[in-house]
């Protein structure tokens, strides 16, 4: 079983059909780990995706709609799924090819791997 964040992301990539990229991102917009097999530069988009996730979380809070479990952005080519890690200091972002990926699979593995990542971050 993987023991560091980069290894966990590599392992997760083998579980998600259509996997393109993933990153563990601080709420300051900086990556602490990432893995990509597509022509995606996680460092180039982390700040923007963090801002988007913060806006979604603030909107949900203002609506009194509960706690954000995950945030899914669906584009023509990709699913981009973001899930908070405990204490909302970091989140996991995953991009997968929309034509190949299963949304249920993507959500399941984002949850399972978020739990593993949280344990590593707690050390």
PDB file of N, CA and C in Angstrom:
ATOM      1  N   UNK A   1       0.851  -1.187   0.000  1.00  0.00           N
ATOM      2  CA  UNK A   1       0.000   0.000   0.000  1.00  0.00           C
ATOM      3  C   UNK A   1       0.893   1.247   0.000  1.00  0.00           C
ATOM      4  N   UNK A   2       0.525   2.205  -0.782  1.00  0.00           N
ATOM      5  CA  UNK A   2       1.296   3.445  -0.913  1.00  0.00           C
ATOM      6  C   UNK A   2       1.366   4.182   0.418  1.00  0.00           C
ATOM      7  N   UNK A   3       2.533   4.772   0.672  1.00  0.00           N
ATOM      8  CA  UNK A   3       2.746   5.459   1.944  1.00  0.00           C
ATOM      9  C   UNK A   3       2.893   6.968   1.814  1.00  0.00           C
ATOM     10  N   UNK A   4       3.133   7.481   0.619  1.00  0.00           N
ATOM     11  CA  UNK A   4       3.224   8.932   0.488  1.00  0.00           C
ATOM     12  C   UNK A   4       2.183   9.420  -0.520  1.00  0.00           C
ATOM     13  N   UNK A   5       1.963  10.712  -0.540  1.00  0.00           N
ATOM     14  CA  UNK A   5       0.879  11.281  -1.342  1.00  0.00           C
ATOM     15  C   UNK A   5       1.040  11.022  -2.834  1.00  0.00           C
ATOM     16  N   UNK A   6       2.252  11.182  -3.351  1.00  0.00           N
ATOM     17  CA  UNK A   6       2.469  10.946  -4.779  1.00  0.00           C
ATOM     18  C   UNK A   6       2.166   9.498  -5.151  1.00  0.00           C
ATOM     19  N   UNK A   7       2.609   8.560  -4.315  1.00  0.00           N
ATOM     20  CA  UNK A   7       2.340   7.144  -4.575  1.00  0.00           C
ATOM     21  C   UNK A   7       0.845   6.841  -4.526  1.00  0.00           C
ATOM     22  N   UNK A   8       0.138   7.469  -3.612  1.00  0.00           N
ATOM     23  CA  UNK A   8      -1.310   7.263  -3.509  1.00  0.00           C
ATOM     24  C   UNK A   8      -2.001   7.736  -4.784  1.00  0.00           C
ATOM     25  N   UNK A   9      -1.603   8.890  -5.307  1.00  0.00           N
ATOM     26  CA  UNK A   9      -2.215   9.397  -6.537  1.00  0.00           C
ATOM     27  C   UNK A   9      -1.914   8.487  -7.728  1.00  0.00           C
ATOM     28  N   UNK A  10      -0.705   7.958  -7.803  1.00  0.00           N
ATOM     29  CA  UNK A  10      -0.353   7.027  -8.879  1.00  0.00           C
ATOM     30  C   UNK A  10      -1.211   5.767  -8.769  1.00  0.00           C
ATOM     31  N   UNK A  11      -1.344   5.242  -7.560  1.00  0.00           N
ATOM     32  CA  UNK A  11      -2.176   4.055  -7.349  1.00  0.00           C
ATOM     33  C   UNK A  11      -3.632   4.341  -7.733  1.00  0.00           C
ATOM     34  N   UNK A  12      -4.146   5.494  -7.321  1.00  0.00           N
ATOM     35  CA  UNK A  12      -5.522   5.861  -7.641  1.00  0.00           C
ATOM     36  C   UNK A  12      -5.724   5.937  -9.157  1.00  0.00           C
ATOM     37  N   UNK A  13      -4.724   6.420  -9.876  1.00  0.00           N
ATOM     38  CA  UNK A  13      -4.853   6.565 -11.334  1.00  0.00           C
ATOM     39  C   UNK A  13      -5.134   5.233 -12.013  1.00  0.00           C
ATOM     40  N   UNK A  14      -4.633   4.145 -11.444  1.00  0.00           N
ATOM     41  CA  UNK A  14      -4.854   2.822 -12.044  1.00  0.00           C
ATOM     42  C   UNK A  14      -6.257   2.287 -11.765  1.00  0.00           C
ATOM     43  N   UNK A  15      -6.964   2.885 -10.833  1.00  0.00           N
ATOM     44  CA  UNK A  15      -8.307   2.434 -10.452  1.00  0.00           C
ATOM     45  C   UNK A  15      -9.413   3.151 -11.229  1.00  0.00           C
ATOM     46  N   UNK A  16      -9.114   4.310 -11.795  1.00  0.00           N
ATOM     47  CA  UNK A  16     -10.143   5.149 -12.421  1.00  0.00           C
ATOM     48  C   UNK A  16     -10.021   5.072 -13.940  1.00  0.00           C
ATOM     49  N   UNK A  17     -11.028   4.487 -14.569  1.00  0.00           N
ATOM     50  CA  UNK A  17     -11.064   4.406 -16.029  1.00  0.00           C
ATOM     51  C   UNK A  17     -11.142   5.819 -16.611  1.00  0.00           C
ATOM     52  N   UNK A  18     -10.290   6.095 -17.577  1.00  0.00           N
ATOM     53  CA  UNK A  18     -10.288   7.414 -18.200  1.00  0.00           C
ATOM     54  C   UNK A  18      -9.525   8.472 -17.426  1.00  0.00           C
ATOM     55  N   UNK A  19      -8.802   8.048 -16.391  1.00  0.00           N
ATOM     56  CA  UNK A  19      -8.035   8.986 -15.557  1.00  0.00           C
ATOM     57  C   UNK A  19      -7.156   9.888 -16.418  1.00  0.00           C
ATOM     58  N   UNK A  20      -7.136  11.178 -16.089  1.00  0.00           N
ATOM     59  CA  UNK A  20      -6.277  12.134 -16.790  1.00  0.00           C
ATOM     60  C   UNK A  20      -5.270  12.785 -15.842  1.00  0.00           C
ATOM     61  N   UNK A  21      -5.742  13.229 -14.672  1.00  0.00           N
ATOM     62  CA  UNK A  21      -4.859  13.928 -13.735  1.00  0.00           C
ATOM     63  C   UNK A  21      -5.515  14.005 -12.367  1.00  0.00           C
ATOM     64  N   UNK A  22      -4.678  14.230 -11.360  1.00  0.00           N
ATOM     65  CA  UNK A  22      -5.196  14.490 -10.013  1.00  0.00           C
ATOM     66  C   UNK A  22      -4.188  15.346  -9.262  1.00  0.00           C
ATOM     67  N   UNK A  23      -4.690  16.000  -8.231  1.00  0.00           N
ATOM     68  CA  UNK A  23      -3.821  16.825  -7.388  1.00  0.00           C
ATOM     69  C   UNK A  23      -4.436  16.943  -6.006  1.00  0.00           C
ATOM     70  N   UNK A  24      -3.577  17.081  -5.031  1.00  0.00           N
ATOM     71  CA  UNK A  24      -3.988  17.440  -3.678  1.00  0.00           C
ATOM     72  C   UNK A  24      -3.579  18.892  -3.530  1.00  0.00           C
ATOM     73  N   UNK A  25      -4.575  19.723  -3.289  1.00  0.00           N
ATOM     74  CA  UNK A  25      -4.375  21.169  -3.363  1.00  0.00           C
ATOM     75  C   UNK A  25      -4.747  21.812  -2.039  1.00  0.00           C
ATOM     76  N   UNK A  26      -3.895  22.707  -1.562  1.00  0.00           N
ATOM     77  CA  UNK A  26      -4.205  23.479  -0.365  1.00  0.00           C
ATOM     78  C   UNK A  26      -5.191  24.579  -0.701  1.00  0.00           C
ATOM     79  N   UNK A  27      -5.889  25.061   0.301  1.00  0.00           N
ATOM     80  CA  UNK A  27      -6.870  26.119   0.066  1.00  0.00           C
ATOM     81  C   UNK A  27      -6.201  27.446  -0.299  1.00  0.00           C
ATOM     82  N   UNK A  28      -4.865  27.465  -0.294  1.00  0.00           N
ATOM     83  CA  UNK A  28      -4.117  28.621  -0.800  1.00  0.00           C
ATOM     84  C   UNK A  28      -3.865  28.497  -2.307  1.00  0.00           C
ATOM     85  N   UNK A  29      -4.322  27.380  -2.910  1.00  0.00           N
ATOM     86  CA  UNK A  29      -4.178  27.175  -4.345  1.00  0.00           C
ATOM     87  C   UNK A  29      -2.899  26.483  -4.771  1.00  0.00           C
ATOM     88  N   UNK A  30      -2.090  26.051  -3.810  1.00  0.00           N
ATOM     89  CA  UNK A  30      -0.823  25.391  -4.135  1.00  0.00           C
ATOM     90  C   UNK A  30      -0.952  23.878  -4.018  1.00  0.00           C
ATOM     91  N   UNK A  31      -0.410  23.159  -5.004  1.00  0.00           N
ATOM     92  CA  UNK A  31      -0.398  21.697  -4.968  1.00  0.00           C
ATOM     93  C   UNK A  31       0.601  21.209  -3.935  1.00  0.00           C
ATOM     94  N   UNK A  32       0.228  20.150  -3.227  1.00  0.00           N
ATOM     95  CA  UNK A  32       1.217  19.482  -2.387  1.00  0.00           C
ATOM     96  C   UNK A  32       1.604  18.138  -3.001  1.00  0.00           C
ATOM     97  N   UNK A  33       0.800  17.670  -3.957  1.00  0.00           N
ATOM     98  CA  UNK A  33       1.117  16.460  -4.719  1.00  0.00           C
ATOM     99  C   UNK A  33       0.252  16.467  -5.969  1.00  0.00           C
ATOM    100  N   UNK A  34       0.772  15.881  -7.045  1.00  0.00           N
ATOM    101  CA  UNK A  34      -0.048  15.730  -8.249  1.00  0.00           C
ATOM    102  C   UNK A  34       0.489  14.603  -9.105  1.00  0.00           C
ATOM    103  N   UNK A  35      -0.381  14.113  -9.980  1.00  0.00           N
ATOM    104  CA  UNK A  35      -0.015  13.063 -10.926  1.00  0.00           C
ATOM    105  C   UNK A  35      -0.861  13.260 -12.170  1.00  0.00           C
ATOM    106  N   UNK A  36      -0.221  13.200 -13.324  1.00  0.00           N
ATOM    107  CA  UNK A  36      -0.961  13.379 -14.572  1.00  0.00           C
ATOM    108  C   UNK A  36      -0.452  12.427 -15.640  1.00  0.00           C
ATOM    109  N   UNK A  37      -1.372  11.943 -16.473  1.00  0.00           N
ATOM    110  CA  UNK A  37      -0.983  11.139 -17.631  1.00  0.00           C
ATOM    111  C   UNK A  37      -1.441  11.830 -18.915  1.00  0.00           C
ATOM    112  N   UNK A  38      -2.084  12.959 -18.771  1.00  0.00           N
ATOM    113  CA  UNK A  38      -2.577  13.729 -19.915  1.00  0.00           C
ATOM    114  C   UNK A  38      -1.771  15.020 -20.028  1.00  0.00           C
ATOM    115  N   UNK A  39      -2.035  15.759 -21.064  1.00  0.00           N
ATOM    116  CA  UNK A  39      -1.355  17.034 -21.281  1.00  0.00           C
ATOM    117  C   UNK A  39      -2.037  18.120 -20.446  1.00  0.00           C
ATOM    118  N   UNK A  40      -1.925  17.964 -19.129  1.00  0.00           N
ATOM    119  CA  UNK A  40      -2.536  18.892 -18.175  1.00  0.00           C
ATOM    120  C   UNK A  40      -1.450  19.311 -17.198  1.00  0.00           C
ATOM    121  N   UNK A  41      -1.353  20.592 -16.914  1.00  0.00           N
ATOM    122  CA  UNK A  41      -0.400  21.105 -15.932  1.00  0.00           C
ATOM    123  C   UNK A  41      -1.174  21.486 -14.674  1.00  0.00           C
ATOM    124  N   UNK A  42      -1.218  20.591 -13.665  1.00  0.00           N
ATOM    125  CA  UNK A  42      -1.995  20.883 -12.459  1.00  0.00           C
ATOM    126  C   UNK A  42      -1.600  22.195 -11.777  1.00  0.00           C
ATOM    127  N   UNK A  43      -0.315  22.531 -11.815  1.00  0.00           N
ATOM    128  CA  UNK A  43       0.124  23.775 -11.177  1.00  0.00           C
ATOM    129  C   UNK A  43      -0.501  25.000 -11.843  1.00  0.00           C
ATOM    130  N   UNK A  44      -0.750  24.905 -13.143  1.00  0.00           N
ATOM    131  CA  UNK A  44      -1.287  26.051 -13.883  1.00  0.00           C
ATOM    132  C   UNK A  44      -2.753  26.324 -13.577  1.00  0.00           C
ATOM    133  N   UNK A  45      -3.482  25.306 -13.124  1.00  0.00           N
ATOM    134  CA  UNK A  45      -4.919  25.499 -12.889  1.00  0.00           C
ATOM    135  C   UNK A  45      -5.329  25.430 -11.423  1.00  0.00           C
ATOM    136  N   UNK A  46      -4.407  25.087 -10.545  1.00  0.00           N
ATOM    137  CA  UNK A  46      -4.765  24.873  -9.134  1.00  0.00           C
ATOM    138  C   UNK A  46      -5.361  26.102  -8.465  1.00  0.00           C
ATOM    139  N   UNK A  47      -4.793  27.265  -8.701  1.00  0.00           N
ATOM    140  CA  UNK A  47      -5.316  28.478  -8.060  1.00  0.00           C
ATOM    141  C   UNK A  47      -6.736  28.772  -8.527  1.00  0.00           C
ATOM    142  N   UNK A  48      -6.988  28.623  -9.832  1.00  0.00           N
ATOM    143  CA  UNK A  48      -8.326  28.902 -10.357  1.00  0.00           C
ATOM    144  C   UNK A  48      -9.354  27.899  -9.848  1.00  0.00           C
ATOM    145  N   UNK A  49      -8.989  26.622  -9.826  1.00  0.00           N
ATOM    146  CA  UNK A  49      -9.932  25.599  -9.382  1.00  0.00           C
ATOM    147  C   UNK A  49     -10.204  25.747  -7.883  1.00  0.00           C
ATOM    148  N   UNK A  50      -9.202  26.205  -7.129  1.00  0.00           N
ATOM    149  CA  UNK A  50      -9.400  26.461  -5.699  1.00  0.00           C
ATOM    150  C   UNK A  50     -10.401  27.588  -5.502  1.00  0.00           C
ATOM    151  N   UNK A  51     -10.260  28.650  -6.263  1.00  0.00           N
ATOM    152  CA  UNK A  51     -11.202  29.766  -6.175  1.00  0.00           C
ATOM    153  C   UNK A  51     -12.619  29.302  -6.496  1.00  0.00           C
ATOM    154  N   UNK A  52     -12.764  28.502  -7.541  1.00  0.00           N
ATOM    155  CA  UNK A  52     -14.078  27.968  -7.900  1.00  0.00           C
ATOM    156  C   UNK A  52     -14.662  27.141  -6.760  1.00  0.00           C
ATOM    157  N   UNK A  53     -13.857  26.260  -6.184  1.00  0.00           N
ATOM    158  CA  UNK A  53     -14.335  25.391  -5.103  1.00  0.00           C
ATOM    159  C   UNK A  53     -14.730  26.215  -3.876  1.00  0.00           C
ATOM    160  N   UNK A  54     -13.961  27.258  -3.568  1.00  0.00           N
ATOM    161  CA  UNK A  54     -14.314  28.146  -2.449  1.00  0.00           C
ATOM    162  C   UNK A  54     -15.647  28.845  -2.704  1.00  0.00           C
ATOM    163  N   UNK A  55     -15.857  29.318  -3.930  1.00  0.00           N
ATOM    164  CA  UNK A  55     -17.121  29.983  -4.271  1.00  0.00           C
ATOM    165  C   UNK A  55     -18.301  29.029  -4.131  1.00  0.00           C
ATOM    166  N   UNK A  56     -18.135  27.804  -4.586  1.00  0.00           N
ATOM    167  CA  UNK A  56     -19.204  26.804  -4.448  1.00  0.00           C
ATOM    168  C   UNK A  56     -19.495  26.556  -2.973  1.00  0.00           C
ATOM    169  N   UNK A  57     -18.457  26.364  -2.176  1.00  0.00           N
ATOM    170  CA  UNK A  57     -18.638  26.099  -0.747  1.00  0.00           C
ATOM    171  C   UNK A  57     -19.334  27.268  -0.052  1.00  0.00           C
ATOM    172  N   UNK A  58     -18.924  28.498  -0.354  1.00  0.00           N
ATOM    173  CA  UNK A  58     -19.562  29.680   0.249  1.00  0.00           C
ATOM    174  C   UNK A  58     -21.022  29.803  -0.168  1.00  0.00           C
ATOM    175  N   UNK A  59     -21.317  29.511  -1.418  1.00  0.00           N
ATOM    176  CA  UNK A  59     -22.696  29.574  -1.903  1.00  0.00           C
ATOM    177  C   UNK A  59     -23.566  28.543  -1.200  1.00  0.00           C
ATOM    178  N   UNK A  60     -23.067  27.331  -1.073  1.00  0.00           N
ATOM    179  CA  UNK A  60     -23.810  26.271  -0.385  1.00  0.00           C
ATOM    180  C   UNK A  60     -24.061  26.660   1.068  1.00  0.00           C
ATOM    181  N   UNK A  61     -23.055  27.257   1.699  1.00  0.00           N
ATOM    182  CA  UNK A  61     -23.208  27.710   3.088  1.00  0.00           C
ATOM    183  C   UNK A  61     -24.288  28.790   3.190  1.00  0.00           C
ATOM    184  N   UNK A  62     -24.259  29.770   2.295  1.00  0.00           N
ATOM    185  CA  UNK A  62     -25.260  30.850   2.311  1.00  0.00           C
ATOM    186  C   UNK A  62     -26.667  30.327   2.044  1.00  0.00           C
ATOM    187  N   UNK A  63     -26.773  29.280   1.253  1.00  0.00           N
ATOM    188  CA  UNK A  63     -28.072  28.675   0.976  1.00  0.00           C
ATOM    189  C   UNK A  63     -28.568  27.800   2.129  1.00  0.00           C
ATOM    190  N   UNK A  64     -27.673  27.513   3.065  1.00  0.00           N
ATOM    191  CA  UNK A  64     -28.032  26.617   4.160  1.00  0.00           C
ATOM    192  C   UNK A  64     -28.295  25.201   3.662  1.00  0.00           C
ATOM    193  N   UNK A  65     -27.566  24.809   2.618  1.00  0.00           N
ATOM    194  CA  UNK A  65     -27.813  23.526   1.960  1.00  0.00           C
ATOM    195  C   UNK A  65     -26.993  22.373   2.529  1.00  0.00           C
ATOM    196  N   UNK A  66     -26.297  22.596   3.637  1.00  0.00           N
ATOM    197  CA  UNK A  66     -25.520  21.523   4.244  1.00  0.00           C
ATOM    198  C   UNK A  66     -24.047  21.608   3.884  1.00  0.00           C
ATOM    199  N   UNK A  67     -23.399  20.466   3.957  1.00  0.00           N
ATOM    200  CA  UNK A  67     -21.959  20.374   3.737  1.00  0.00           C
ATOM    201  C   UNK A  67     -21.701  19.852   2.325  1.00  0.00           C
ATOM    202  N   UNK A  68     -20.761  20.463   1.632  1.00  0.00           N
ATOM    203  CA  UNK A  68     -20.385  20.008   0.292  1.00  0.00           C
ATOM    204  C   UNK A  68     -19.660  18.667   0.414  1.00  0.00           C
ATOM    205  N   UNK A  69     -20.201  17.644  -0.251  1.00  0.00           N
ATOM    206  CA  UNK A  69     -19.524  16.343  -0.291  1.00  0.00           C
ATOM    207  C   UNK A  69     -18.475  16.342  -1.393  1.00  0.00           C
ATOM    208  N   UNK A  70     -18.905  16.777  -2.571  1.00  0.00           N
ATOM    209  CA  UNK A  70     -17.980  16.931  -3.684  1.00  0.00           C
ATOM    210  C   UNK A  70     -18.561  17.961  -4.641  1.00  0.00           C
ATOM    211  N   UNK A  71     -17.737  18.394  -5.563  1.00  0.00           N
ATOM    212  CA  UNK A  71     -18.166  19.363  -6.569  1.00  0.00           C
ATOM    213  C   UNK A  71     -17.746  18.800  -7.921  1.00  0.00           C
ATOM    214  N   UNK A  72     -18.707  18.625  -8.804  1.00  0.00           N
ATOM    215  CA  UNK A  72     -18.438  18.060 -10.117  1.00  0.00           C
ATOM    216  C   UNK A  72     -18.589  19.128 -11.187  1.00  0.00           C
ATOM    217  N   UNK A  73     -17.553  19.279 -11.987  1.00  0.00           N
ATOM    218  CA  UNK A  73     -17.585  20.155 -13.154  1.00  0.00           C
ATOM    219  C   UNK A  73     -17.568  19.237 -14.374  1.00  0.00           C
ATOM    220  N   UNK A  74     -18.592  19.337 -15.195  1.00  0.00           N
ATOM    221  CA  UNK A  74     -18.699  18.485 -16.376  1.00  0.00           C
ATOM    222  C   UNK A  74     -18.474  19.331 -17.617  1.00  0.00           C
ATOM    223  N   UNK A  75     -17.487  18.942 -18.407  1.00  0.00           N
ATOM    224  CA  UNK A  75     -17.209  19.636 -19.658  1.00  0.00           C
ATOM    225  C   UNK A  75     -17.423  18.659 -20.811  1.00  0.00           C
ATOM    226  N   UNK A  76     -17.251  19.146 -22.000  1.00  0.00           N
ATOM    227  CA  UNK A  76     -17.394  18.293 -23.174  1.00  0.00           C
ATOM    228  C   UNK A  76     -16.441  17.100 -23.126  1.00  0.00           C
ATOM    229  N   UNK A  77     -15.243  17.327 -22.606  1.00  0.00           N
ATOM    230  CA  UNK A  77     -14.228  16.279 -22.623  1.00  0.00           C
ATOM    231  C   UNK A  77     -13.888  15.648 -21.290  1.00  0.00           C
ATOM    232  N   UNK A  78     -14.140  16.363 -20.191  1.00  0.00           N
ATOM    233  CA  UNK A  78     -13.686  15.877 -18.885  1.00  0.00           C
ATOM    234  C   UNK A  78     -14.762  15.975 -17.816  1.00  0.00           C
ATOM    235  N   UNK A  79     -14.645  15.071 -16.848  1.00  0.00           N
ATOM    236  CA  UNK A  79     -15.260  15.260 -15.541  1.00  0.00           C
ATOM    237  C   UNK A  79     -14.143  15.798 -14.658  1.00  0.00           C
ATOM    238  N   UNK A  80     -14.413  16.840 -13.898  1.00  0.00           N
ATOM    239  CA  UNK A  80     -13.456  17.348 -12.917  1.00  0.00           C
ATOM    240  C   UNK A  80     -14.173  17.303 -11.576  1.00  0.00           C
ATOM    241  N   UNK A  81     -13.701  16.426 -10.704  1.00  0.00           N
ATOM    242  CA  UNK A  81     -14.339  16.209  -9.410  1.00  0.00           C
ATOM    243  C   UNK A  81     -13.426  16.717  -8.309  1.00  0.00           C
ATOM    244  N   UNK A  82     -13.988  17.498  -7.389  1.00  0.00           N
ATOM    245  CA  UNK A  82     -13.235  18.027  -6.257  1.00  0.00           C
ATOM    246  C   UNK A  82     -13.910  17.571  -4.972  1.00  0.00           C
ATOM    247  N   UNK A  83     -13.107  17.123  -4.016  1.00  0.00           N
ATOM    248  CA  UNK A  83     -13.631  16.657  -2.732  1.00  0.00           C
ATOM    249  C   UNK A  83     -12.755  17.204  -1.613  1.00  0.00           C
ATOM    250  N   UNK A  84     -13.399  17.868  -0.642  1.00  0.00           N
ATOM    251  CA  UNK A  84     -12.662  18.368   0.516  1.00  0.00           C
ATOM    252  C   UNK A  84     -12.052  17.218   1.298  1.00  0.00           C
ATOM    253  N   UNK A  85     -10.878  17.458   1.835  1.00  0.00           N
ATOM    254  CA  UNK A  85     -10.283  16.561   2.812  1.00  0.00           C
ATOM    255  C   UNK A  85     -10.668  17.101   4.190  1.00  0.00           C
ATOM    256  N   UNK A  86     -10.552  16.290   5.252  1.00  0.00           N
ATOM    257  CA  UNK A  86     -10.980  16.753   6.582  1.00  0.00           C
ATOM    258  C   UNK A  86     -10.401  18.120   6.953  1.00  0.00           C
ATOM    259  N   UNK A  87     -11.189  18.885   7.642  1.00  0.00           N
ATOM    260  CA  UNK A  87     -10.865  20.234   8.127  1.00  0.00           C
ATOM    261  C   UNK A  87     -10.812  21.279   7.011  1.00  0.00           C
ATOM    262  N   UNK A  88     -11.087  20.871   5.779  1.00  0.00           N
ATOM    263  CA  UNK A  88     -11.152  21.780   4.630  1.00  0.00           C
ATOM    264  C   UNK A  88      -9.875  22.600   4.412  1.00  0.00           C
ATOM    265  N   UNK A  89      -8.736  22.055   4.812  1.00  0.00           N
ATOM    266  CA  UNK A  89      -7.469  22.737   4.535  1.00  0.00           C
ATOM    267  C   UNK A  89      -6.930  22.364   3.154  1.00  0.00           C
ATOM    268  N   UNK A  90      -7.348  21.189   2.671  1.00  0.00           N
ATOM    269  CA  UNK A  90      -6.916  20.665   1.383  1.00  0.00           C
ATOM    270  C   UNK A  90      -8.113  20.032   0.690  1.00  0.00           C
ATOM    271  N   UNK A  91      -7.969  19.828  -0.622  1.00  0.00           N
ATOM    272  CA  UNK A  91      -8.965  19.037  -1.332  1.00  0.00           C
ATOM    273  C   UNK A  91      -8.286  18.199  -2.402  1.00  0.00           C
ATOM    274  N   UNK A  92      -8.977  17.145  -2.792  1.00  0.00           N
ATOM    275  CA  UNK A  92      -8.520  16.272  -3.858  1.00  0.00           C
ATOM    276  C   UNK A  92      -9.249  16.663  -5.132  1.00  0.00           C
ATOM    277  N   UNK A  93      -8.515  16.912  -6.181  1.00  0.00           N
ATOM    278  CA  UNK A  93      -9.102  17.193  -7.492  1.00  0.00           C
ATOM    279  C   UNK A  93      -8.713  16.088  -8.459  1.00  0.00           C
ATOM    280  N   UNK A  94      -9.699  15.581  -9.199  1.00  0.00           N
ATOM    281  CA  UNK A  94      -9.452  14.506 -10.164  1.00  0.00           C
ATOM    282  C   UNK A  94     -10.090  14.892 -11.496  1.00  0.00           C
ATOM    283  N   UNK A  95      -9.352  14.709 -12.572  1.00  0.00           N
ATOM    284  CA  UNK A  95      -9.891  14.908 -13.919  1.00  0.00           C
ATOM    285  C   UNK A  95      -9.880  13.564 -14.634  1.00  0.00           C
ATOM    286  N   UNK A  96     -11.000  13.253 -15.302  1.00  0.00           N
ATOM    287  CA  UNK A  96     -11.107  11.998 -16.041  1.00  0.00           C
ATOM    288  C   UNK A  96     -11.843  12.240 -17.354  1.00  0.00           C
ATOM    289  N   UNK A  97     -11.457  11.497 -18.360  1.00  0.00           N
ATOM    290  CA  UNK A  97     -12.075  11.591 -19.681  1.00  0.00           C
ATOM    291  C   UNK A  97     -13.559  11.244 -19.582  1.00  0.00           C
ATOM    292  N   UNK A  98     -14.407  12.160 -19.993  1.00  0.00           N
ATOM    293  CA  UNK A  98     -15.854  11.990 -19.836  1.00  0.00           C
ATOM    294  C   UNK A  98     -16.391  10.808 -20.652  1.00  0.00           C
ATOM    295  N   UNK A  99     -15.800  10.532 -21.790  1.00  0.00           N
ATOM    296  CA  UNK A  99     -16.292   9.452 -22.639  1.00  0.00           C
ATOM    297  C   UNK A  99     -15.894   8.075 -22.112  1.00  0.00           C
ATOM    298  N   UNK A 100     -14.856   8.017 -21.300  1.00  0.00           N
ATOM    299  CA  UNK A 100     -14.362   6.733 -20.789  1.00  0.00           C
ATOM    300  C   UNK A 100     -14.721   6.501 -19.324  1.00  0.00           C
ATOM    301  N   UNK A 101     -14.795   7.550 -18.553  1.00  0.00           N
ATOM    302  CA  UNK A 101     -14.966   7.423 -17.103  1.00  0.00           C
ATOM    303  C   UNK A 101     -16.406   7.113 -16.720  1.00  0.00           C
ATOM    304  N   UNK A 102     -16.529   6.416 -15.610  1.00  0.00           N
ATOM    305  CA  UNK A 102     -17.833   6.189 -14.984  1.00  0.00           C
ATOM    306  C   UNK A 102     -17.934   7.154 -13.811  1.00  0.00           C
ATOM    307  N   UNK A 103     -18.974   7.957 -13.794  1.00  0.00           N
ATOM    308  CA  UNK A 103     -19.119   8.948 -12.730  1.00  0.00           C
ATOM    309  C   UNK A 103     -19.230   8.285 -11.357  1.00  0.00           C
ATOM    310  N   UNK A 104     -19.943   7.175 -11.275  1.00  0.00           N
ATOM    311  CA  UNK A 104     -20.060   6.453 -10.005  1.00  0.00           C
ATOM    312  C   UNK A 104     -18.708   5.961  -9.520  1.00  0.00           C
ATOM    313  N   UNK A 105     -17.914   5.416 -10.434  1.00  0.00           N
ATOM    314  CA  UNK A 105     -16.572   4.945 -10.121  1.00  0.00           C
ATOM    315  C   UNK A 105     -15.696   6.103  -9.661  1.00  0.00           C
ATOM    316  N   UNK A 106     -15.790   7.213 -10.356  1.00  0.00           N
ATOM    317  CA  UNK A 106     -15.005   8.399 -10.013  1.00  0.00           C
ATOM    318  C   UNK A 106     -15.341   8.880  -8.603  1.00  0.00           C
ATOM    319  N   UNK A 107     -16.617   8.944  -8.290  1.00  0.00           N
ATOM    320  CA  UNK A 107     -17.032   9.398  -6.950  1.00  0.00           C
ATOM    321  C   UNK A 107     -16.602   8.402  -5.870  1.00  0.00           C
ATOM    322  N   UNK A 108     -16.767   7.114  -6.144  1.00  0.00           N
ATOM    323  CA  UNK A 108     -16.377   6.094  -5.171  1.00  0.00           C
ATOM    324  C   UNK A 108     -14.891   6.187  -4.852  1.00  0.00           C
ATOM    325  N   UNK A 109     -14.060   6.197  -5.885  1.00  0.00           N
ATOM    326  CA  UNK A 109     -12.620   6.221  -5.641  1.00  0.00           C
ATOM    327  C   UNK A 109     -12.150   7.556  -5.065  1.00  0.00           C
ATOM    328  N   UNK A 110     -12.821   8.643  -5.387  1.00  0.00           N
ATOM    329  CA  UNK A 110     -12.447   9.920  -4.769  1.00  0.00           C
ATOM    330  C   UNK A 110     -12.690   9.854  -3.263  1.00  0.00           C
ATOM    331  N   UNK A 111     -13.769   9.209  -2.865  1.00  0.00           N
ATOM    332  CA  UNK A 111     -14.073   9.086  -1.433  1.00  0.00           C
ATOM    333  C   UNK A 111     -13.077   8.157  -0.736  1.00  0.00           C
ATOM    334  N   UNK A 112     -12.849   6.989  -1.319  1.00  0.00           N
ATOM    335  CA  UNK A 112     -11.928   6.027  -0.712  1.00  0.00           C
ATOM    336  C   UNK A 112     -10.511   6.588  -0.596  1.00  0.00           C
ATOM    337  N   UNK A 113     -10.035   7.199  -1.655  1.00  0.00           N
ATOM    338  CA  UNK A 113      -8.673   7.725  -1.628  1.00  0.00           C
ATOM    339  C   UNK A 113      -8.566   8.992  -0.784  1.00  0.00           C
ATOM    340  N   UNK A 114      -9.620   9.759  -0.675  1.00  0.00           N
ATOM    341  CA  UNK A 114      -9.606  10.926   0.222  1.00  0.00           C
ATOM    342  C   UNK A 114      -9.371  10.489   1.659  1.00  0.00           C
ATOM    343  N   UNK A 115      -9.973   9.373   2.036  1.00  0.00           N
ATOM    344  CA  UNK A 115      -9.780   8.848   3.393  1.00  0.00           C
ATOM    345  C   UNK A 115      -8.327   8.441   3.610  1.00  0.00           C
ATOM    346  N   UNK A 116      -7.729   7.791   2.627  1.00  0.00           N
ATOM    347  CA  UNK A 116      -6.317   7.399   2.749  1.00  0.00           C
ATOM    348  C   UNK A 116      -5.405   8.622   2.788  1.00  0.00           C
ATOM    349  N   UNK A 117      -5.687   9.590   1.937  1.00  0.00           N
ATOM    350  CA  UNK A 117      -4.877  10.813   1.896  1.00  0.00           C
ATOM    351  C   UNK A 117      -4.968  11.544   3.229  1.00  0.00           C
ATOM    352  N   UNK A 118      -6.156  11.604   3.800  1.00  0.00           N
ATOM    353  CA  UNK A 118      -6.344  12.277   5.090  1.00  0.00           C
ATOM    354  C   UNK A 118      -5.486  11.633   6.173  1.00  0.00           C
ATOM    355  N   UNK A 119      -5.365  10.317   6.151  1.00  0.00           N
ATOM    356  CA  UNK A 119      -4.535   9.622   7.146  1.00  0.00           C
ATOM    357  C   UNK A 119      -3.067  10.003   6.992  1.00  0.00           C
ATOM    358  N   UNK A 120      -2.599  10.108   5.756  1.00  0.00           N
ATOM    359  CA  UNK A 120      -1.205  10.499   5.519  1.00  0.00           C
ATOM    360  C   UNK A 120      -0.982  11.944   5.957  1.00  0.00           C
ATOM    361  N   UNK A 121      -1.927  12.824   5.654  1.00  0.00           N
ATOM    362  CA  UNK A 121      -1.790  14.233   6.042  1.00  0.00           C
ATOM    363  C   UNK A 121      -1.815  14.416   7.555  1.00  0.00           C
ATOM    364  N   UNK A 122      -2.474  13.513   8.261  1.00  0.00           N
ATOM    365  CA  UNK A 122      -2.585  13.628   9.719  1.00  0.00           C
ATOM    366  C   UNK A 122      -1.284  13.256  10.431  1.00  0.00           C
ATOM    367  N   UNK A 123      -0.376  12.611   9.732  1.00  0.00           N
ATOM    368  CA  UNK A 123       0.895  12.197  10.367  1.00  0.00           C
ATOM    369  C   UNK A 123       1.773  13.368  10.695  1.00  0.00           C
TER     370      UNK A 123
END
